[in-house]
Amino acid sequence: MGRIERADSEGIDKQSKKIEKGRRALSRNRVPLIIGGIISTAVLILIAMLMQSDDNDAEVVNMDSQEFKDLREQARIDHSGKRYEQAIIKLKGALKMRPQNSEVWNDLGATYYALGLEFAGSTWPSWERDLTANTISEGNLELETALREVESGYLVFICTHEMAKQIEQNAKKKGSHVSNKHWSNQSKKVNILVGRTKEFFLKARDSYVAAIDIKPAYDAPYQNLGALYIKIGQLDVGKDNLEKAYKLDPRNDELRMYLRQFKSKEFVTTSKVLTLDEKSD
């Protein structure tokens, strides 16, 4: 009986050890499976998150892209309706999304230019006088009268070299933008921008320059910058920019006409600027 009991006891011990060994082995086999399951789940969650993130990013880009297009289209409509200040707001909004977009910078320049002309009124130049037969004192009085009468616009004085220097200094003291051009051996042509026309023309100039800096092979801002300079009497600088535009687009018949006028000395000073309605990339 005792041996049987001992045998039974040994058998039970052996069986218990086998069960425990099997349990440990089973536990060891499960550990990798559990960890693997966690890793797989984590990877799936991460992939799902990345996919969702990519989808969200794509949606944002698409939304921005559509908003960008909408702003440009609304700006075009506003420009066409001569609501220039509203167009400028929308173009600035588009530039916040795409600050390196040269086409929008060009459009902004064209809109500033149009707004500057609007503030100048229907007469261009706003004030024009030949003062070559006048004294310097009379020339200064004429400048004061012009600045008082013309709130915003473009003033032109043809005067002696000495008078031109005085008028230029006095005009700059009043906050005007001044350029001059050799007119004859005895005279100069003094070009003066005043008021909001000055403000918006200078902003137009800077916008065109920004477009050129971003995309030097883009012809429109060269043409527009040239047209602006010609409009304010800086013919040489204007011609240089028109020639640059023509080199970039030799099929431009309008530029060919302008450049022929320069050569034949029959240049039309009421030059044209490309607007959002005429050229939009």
Protein backbone atom coordinates (compact mmCIF):
# COMPACT_ATOMS: atom_id res chain seq x y z
CA MET A 1 0.00 0.00 0.00
CA GLY A 2 2.80 2.33 1.00
CA ARG A 3 4.66 1.67 -2.23
CA ILE A 4 1.50 2.19 -4.20
CA GLU A 5 0.91 5.42 -2.28
CA ARG A 6 4.50 6.43 -2.91
CA ALA A 7 4.18 5.47 -6.51
CA ASP A 8 0.95 7.41 -6.73
CA SER A 9 2.57 10.34 -4.96
CA GLU A 10 5.53 10.27 -7.33
CA GLY A 11 3.16 10.00 -10.27
CA ILE A 12 1.17 12.93 -9.06
CA ASP A 13 4.35 14.96 -8.54
CA LYS A 14 5.57 14.08 -12.01
CA GLN A 15 2.20 14.91 -13.49
CA SER A 16 2.09 18.21 -11.59
CA LYS A 17 5.56 19.07 -12.83
CA LYS A 18 4.52 18.32 -16.42
CA ILE A 19 1.41 20.46 -16.07
CA GLU A 20 3.44 23.35 -14.58
CA LYS A 21 6.10 22.96 -17.29
CA GLY A 22 3.42 22.98 -19.96
CA ARG A 23 1.78 26.00 -18.38
CA ARG A 24 5.11 27.85 -18.36
CA ALA A 25 5.79 26.86 -21.94
CA LEU A 26 2.30 27.99 -22.93
CA SER A 27 2.85 31.23 -21.10
CA ARG A 28 6.18 31.75 -22.89
CA ASN A 29 4.49 31.09 -26.25
CA ARG A 30 1.74 33.53 -25.48
CA VAL A 31 4.02 36.41 -24.51
CA PRO A 32 5.31 37.03 -28.03
CA LEU A 33 1.82 36.60 -29.41
CA ILE A 34 0.42 39.16 -26.96
CA ILE A 35 3.30 41.60 -27.60
CA GLY A 36 3.00 40.97 -31.29
CA GLY A 37 -0.69 41.65 -31.06
CA ILE A 38 -0.05 44.93 -29.23
CA ILE A 39 2.63 45.94 -31.75
CA SER A 40 0.38 45.04 -34.67
CA THR A 41 -2.48 46.98 -33.15
CA ALA A 42 -0.20 49.94 -32.46
CA VAL A 43 1.13 49.87 -36.01
CA LEU A 44 -2.37 49.70 -37.41
CA ILE A 45 -3.46 52.61 -35.23
CA LEU A 46 -0.38 54.61 -36.25
CA ILE A 47 -0.98 53.87 -39.92
CA ALA A 48 -4.61 54.81 -39.52
CA MET A 49 -3.60 58.05 -37.80
CA LEU A 50 -1.08 58.86 -40.53
CA MET A 51 -3.62 58.09 -43.20
CA GLN A 52 -6.14 60.30 -41.46
CA SER A 53 -3.50 63.01 -41.06
CA ASP A 54 -2.59 62.77 -44.74
CA ASP A 55 -6.25 63.00 -45.66
CA ASN A 56 -6.68 66.03 -43.41
CA ASP A 57 -3.57 67.69 -44.82
CA ALA A 58 -4.74 67.02 -48.36
CA GLU A 59 -8.10 68.47 -47.48
CA VAL A 60 -6.48 71.61 -46.04
CA VAL A 61 -4.28 72.03 -49.11
CA ASN A 62 -7.27 71.57 -51.40
CA MET A 63 -9.31 73.98 -49.33
CA ASP A 64 -6.50 76.54 -49.40
CA SER A 65 -6.07 76.02 -53.11
CA GLN A 66 -9.76 76.54 -53.75
CA GLU A 67 -9.85 79.54 -51.44
CA PHE A 68 -6.81 80.94 -53.24
CA LYS A 69 -8.53 80.52 -56.60
CA ASP A 70 -11.72 82.05 -55.26
CA LEU A 71 -9.86 85.09 -53.93
CA ARG A 72 -8.20 85.66 -57.29
CA GLU A 73 -11.48 85.31 -59.13
CA GLN A 74 -13.25 87.67 -56.72
CA ALA A 75 -10.38 90.14 -57.11
CA ARG A 76 -10.76 89.94 -60.89
CA ILE A 77 -14.47 90.65 -60.62
CA ASP A 78 -13.86 93.56 -58.24
CA HIS A 79 -11.19 94.96 -60.54
CA SER A 80 -13.50 94.71 -63.52
CA GLY A 81 -16.16 96.55 -61.53
CA LYS A 82 -13.61 99.23 -60.52
CA ARG A 83 -13.87 98.23 -56.87
CA TYR A 84 -10.12 98.44 -56.63
CA GLU A 85 -9.81 98.67 -52.86
CA GLN A 86 -11.88 95.51 -52.45
CA ALA A 87 -9.75 93.77 -55.08
CA ILE A 88 -6.60 94.77 -53.20
CA ILE A 89 -7.93 93.23 -49.97
CA LYS A 90 -8.58 89.93 -51.76
CA LEU A 91 -5.21 89.92 -53.52
CA LYS A 92 -3.44 90.53 -50.23
CA GLY A 93 -5.39 87.59 -48.81
CA ALA A 94 -4.20 85.43 -51.70
CA LEU A 95 -0.61 86.52 -51.07
CA LYS A 96 -0.85 85.41 -47.47
CA MET A 97 -1.46 81.92 -48.84
CA ARG A 98 1.03 82.13 -51.70
CA PRO A 99 3.54 84.91 -50.91
CA GLN A 100 5.83 83.73 -53.72
CA ASN A 101 3.18 83.90 -56.45
CA SER A 102 4.48 86.40 -59.00
CA GLU A 103 1.18 86.54 -60.90
CA VAL A 104 -0.68 87.79 -57.83
CA TRP A 105 2.02 90.40 -57.17
CA ASN A 106 1.59 91.58 -60.75
CA ASP A 107 -2.19 91.70 -60.35
CA LEU A 108 -1.78 93.68 -57.15
CA GLY A 109 0.47 96.15 -58.96
CA ALA A 110 -2.05 96.59 -61.77
CA THR A 111 -4.80 97.23 -59.22
CA TYR A 112 -2.75 99.79 -57.30
CA TYR A 113 -1.98 101.49 -60.62
CA ALA A 114 -5.67 101.66 -61.56
CA LEU A 115 -6.54 103.03 -58.13
CA GLY A 116 -3.85 105.70 -58.44
CA LEU A 117 -5.29 106.79 -61.79
CA GLU A 118 -8.77 106.90 -60.32
CA PHE A 119 -7.65 109.27 -57.57
CA ALA A 120 -5.97 111.48 -60.17
CA GLY A 121 -9.21 112.03 -62.05
CA SER A 122 -9.83 112.31 -65.77
CA THR A 123 -7.09 114.86 -66.55
CA TRP A 124 -3.53 113.63 -67.05
CA PRO A 125 -1.25 115.37 -66.28
CA SER A 126 -3.29 116.96 -63.53
CA TRP A 127 -1.26 120.18 -63.85
CA GLU A 128 1.19 121.13 -66.58
CA ARG A 129 3.09 124.38 -67.01
CA ASP A 130 5.97 125.69 -69.11
CA LEU A 131 7.94 127.97 -66.78
CA THR A 132 11.03 128.51 -68.90
CA ALA A 133 10.23 132.22 -69.23
CA ASN A 134 9.45 132.66 -65.52
CA THR A 135 11.64 133.56 -62.58
CA ILE A 136 12.50 131.06 -59.86
CA SER A 137 10.17 132.86 -57.43
CA GLU A 138 7.33 132.62 -59.92
CA GLY A 139 8.11 128.94 -60.41
CA ASN A 140 7.92 128.28 -56.67
CA LEU A 141 4.60 130.13 -56.48
CA GLU A 142 3.28 128.03 -59.34
CA LEU A 143 4.32 124.87 -57.50
CA GLU A 144 2.53 126.03 -54.34
CA THR A 145 -0.60 126.76 -56.33
CA ALA A 146 -0.49 123.36 -58.01
CA LEU A 147 0.01 121.51 -54.71
CA ARG A 148 -2.89 123.41 -53.22
CA GLU A 149 -5.22 122.80 -56.18
CA VAL A 150 -4.30 119.18 -56.94
CA GLU A 151 -4.97 116.91 -54.00
CA SER A 152 -3.94 113.76 -55.85
CA GLY A 153 -2.37 113.41 -59.27
CA TYR A 154 0.58 114.18 -61.52
CA LEU A 155 2.22 117.58 -61.98
CA VAL A 156 4.57 118.53 -64.80
CA PHE A 157 6.78 121.59 -64.99
CA ILE A 158 9.15 122.47 -67.81
CA CYS A 159 11.68 124.94 -66.47
CA THR A 160 15.31 126.00 -66.44
CA HIS A 161 17.85 123.76 -64.76
CA GLU A 162 18.21 126.14 -61.85
CA MET A 163 14.46 126.43 -61.34
CA ALA A 164 14.07 122.65 -61.67
CA LYS A 165 16.44 122.18 -58.73
CA GLN A 166 14.39 124.56 -56.57
CA ILE A 167 11.04 123.04 -57.54
CA GLU A 168 12.33 119.53 -56.92
CA GLN A 169 13.60 120.43 -53.44
CA ASN A 170 10.39 122.23 -52.47
CA ALA A 171 8.17 119.45 -53.80
CA LYS A 172 10.09 116.80 -51.85
CA LYS A 173 9.72 118.87 -48.68
CA LYS A 174 5.97 118.66 -49.21
CA GLY A 175 6.16 114.86 -49.40
CA SER A 176 5.84 114.55 -53.17
CA HIS A 177 7.63 111.99 -55.32
CA VAL A 178 9.82 113.78 -57.86
CA SER A 179 11.77 112.75 -60.93
CA ASN A 180 13.22 114.91 -63.67
CA LYS A 181 14.26 114.47 -67.25
CA HIS A 182 16.51 116.44 -69.53
CA TRP A 183 14.20 118.38 -71.86
CA SER A 184 16.60 120.60 -73.80
CA ASN A 185 19.98 122.22 -73.35
CA GLN A 186 18.35 124.98 -71.33
CA SER A 187 15.46 123.17 -69.64
CA LYS A 188 14.30 120.15 -67.69
CA LYS A 189 10.98 118.44 -67.26
CA VAL A 190 10.09 117.93 -63.59
CA ASN A 191 7.57 115.13 -62.90
CA ILE A 192 5.78 115.18 -59.54
CA LEU A 193 3.39 112.64 -58.02
CA VAL A 194 1.20 113.85 -55.18
CA GLY A 195 -1.44 112.53 -52.78
CA ARG A 196 -3.02 109.10 -53.08
CA THR A 197 -1.87 108.81 -56.68
CA LYS A 198 1.72 108.98 -55.46
CA GLU A 199 0.98 106.43 -52.73
CA PHE A 200 -0.65 103.90 -55.04
CA PHE A 201 1.76 104.35 -57.95
CA LEU A 202 4.71 103.66 -55.65
CA LYS A 203 2.93 100.59 -54.28
CA ALA A 204 2.28 99.47 -57.86
CA ARG A 205 5.96 99.90 -58.68
CA ASP A 206 7.01 97.89 -55.63
CA SER A 207 4.51 95.13 -56.45
CA TYR A 208 5.84 94.79 -60.01
CA VAL A 209 9.41 94.67 -58.70
CA ALA A 210 8.38 91.93 -56.24
CA ALA A 211 6.86 89.93 -59.12
CA ILE A 212 10.07 90.29 -61.13
CA ASP A 213 12.25 89.28 -58.17
CA ILE A 214 10.21 86.12 -57.70
CA LYS A 215 9.97 85.21 -61.39
CA PRO A 216 12.51 87.07 -63.57
CA ALA A 217 11.30 85.32 -66.74
CA TYR A 218 7.73 86.63 -66.32
CA ASP A 219 7.13 89.33 -68.95
CA ALA A 220 3.94 91.04 -67.67
CA PRO A 221 5.45 92.92 -64.69
CA TYR A 222 8.23 94.29 -66.92
CA GLN A 223 5.64 95.64 -69.34
CA ASN A 224 3.53 97.04 -66.51
CA LEU A 225 6.52 98.62 -64.79
CA GLY A 226 7.58 100.14 -68.08
CA ALA A 227 4.09 101.52 -68.66
CA LEU A 228 4.04 103.05 -65.18
CA TYR A 229 7.38 104.80 -65.66
CA ILE A 230 6.28 106.12 -69.04
CA LYS A 231 3.07 107.41 -67.50
CA ILE A 232 5.07 109.59 -65.09
CA GLY A 233 7.52 110.84 -67.70
CA GLN A 234 10.47 108.52 -67.02
CA LEU A 235 10.71 107.39 -70.62
CA ASP A 236 14.19 105.88 -70.55
CA VAL A 237 13.49 103.60 -67.60
CA GLY A 238 10.12 102.77 -69.12
CA LYS A 239 11.68 101.82 -72.43
CA ASP A 240 14.24 99.59 -70.73
CA ASN A 241 11.49 97.61 -69.02
CA LEU A 242 9.44 97.33 -72.20
CA GLU A 243 12.48 95.96 -74.03
CA LYS A 244 12.99 93.37 -71.28
CA ALA A 245 9.35 92.34 -71.59
CA TYR A 246 9.64 92.09 -75.37
CA LYS A 247 12.71 89.87 -75.14
CA LEU A 248 10.70 87.52 -72.95
CA ASP A 249 7.68 87.64 -75.29
CA PRO A 250 8.72 88.67 -78.83
CA ARG A 251 5.22 87.85 -80.10
CA ASN A 252 3.72 90.74 -78.14
CA ASP A 253 2.41 93.08 -80.86
CA GLU A 254 1.57 95.81 -78.36
CA LEU A 255 5.16 95.98 -77.15
CA ARG A 256 6.43 96.00 -80.70
CA MET A 257 4.22 99.02 -81.38
CA TYR A 258 5.45 100.85 -78.27
CA LEU A 259 9.09 100.25 -79.12
CA ARG A 260 8.58 101.43 -82.71
CA GLN A 261 7.07 104.63 -81.34
CA PHE A 262 10.18 105.18 -79.28
CA LYS A 263 12.41 104.78 -82.31
CA SER A 264 10.25 107.10 -84.43
CA LYS A 265 9.88 109.60 -81.53
CA GLU A 266 6.10 109.35 -81.81
CA PHE A 267 5.59 107.69 -78.47
CA VAL A 268 2.10 107.72 -76.99
CA THR A 269 2.47 108.60 -73.30
CA THR A 270 -0.91 107.16 -72.33
CA SER A 271 0.57 103.66 -72.16
CA LYS A 272 -1.38 100.62 -71.14
CA VAL A 273 -0.97 98.35 -68.13
CA LEU A 274 -2.02 94.71 -68.19
CA THR A 275 -4.86 94.19 -65.74
CA LEU A 276 -6.31 91.12 -64.07
CA ASP A 277 -9.00 91.02 -66.71
CA GLU A 278 -6.58 91.03 -69.62
CA LYS A 279 -3.97 88.56 -68.41
CA SER A 280 -4.28 86.15 -65.54
CA ASP A 281 -2.18 83.00 -65.15
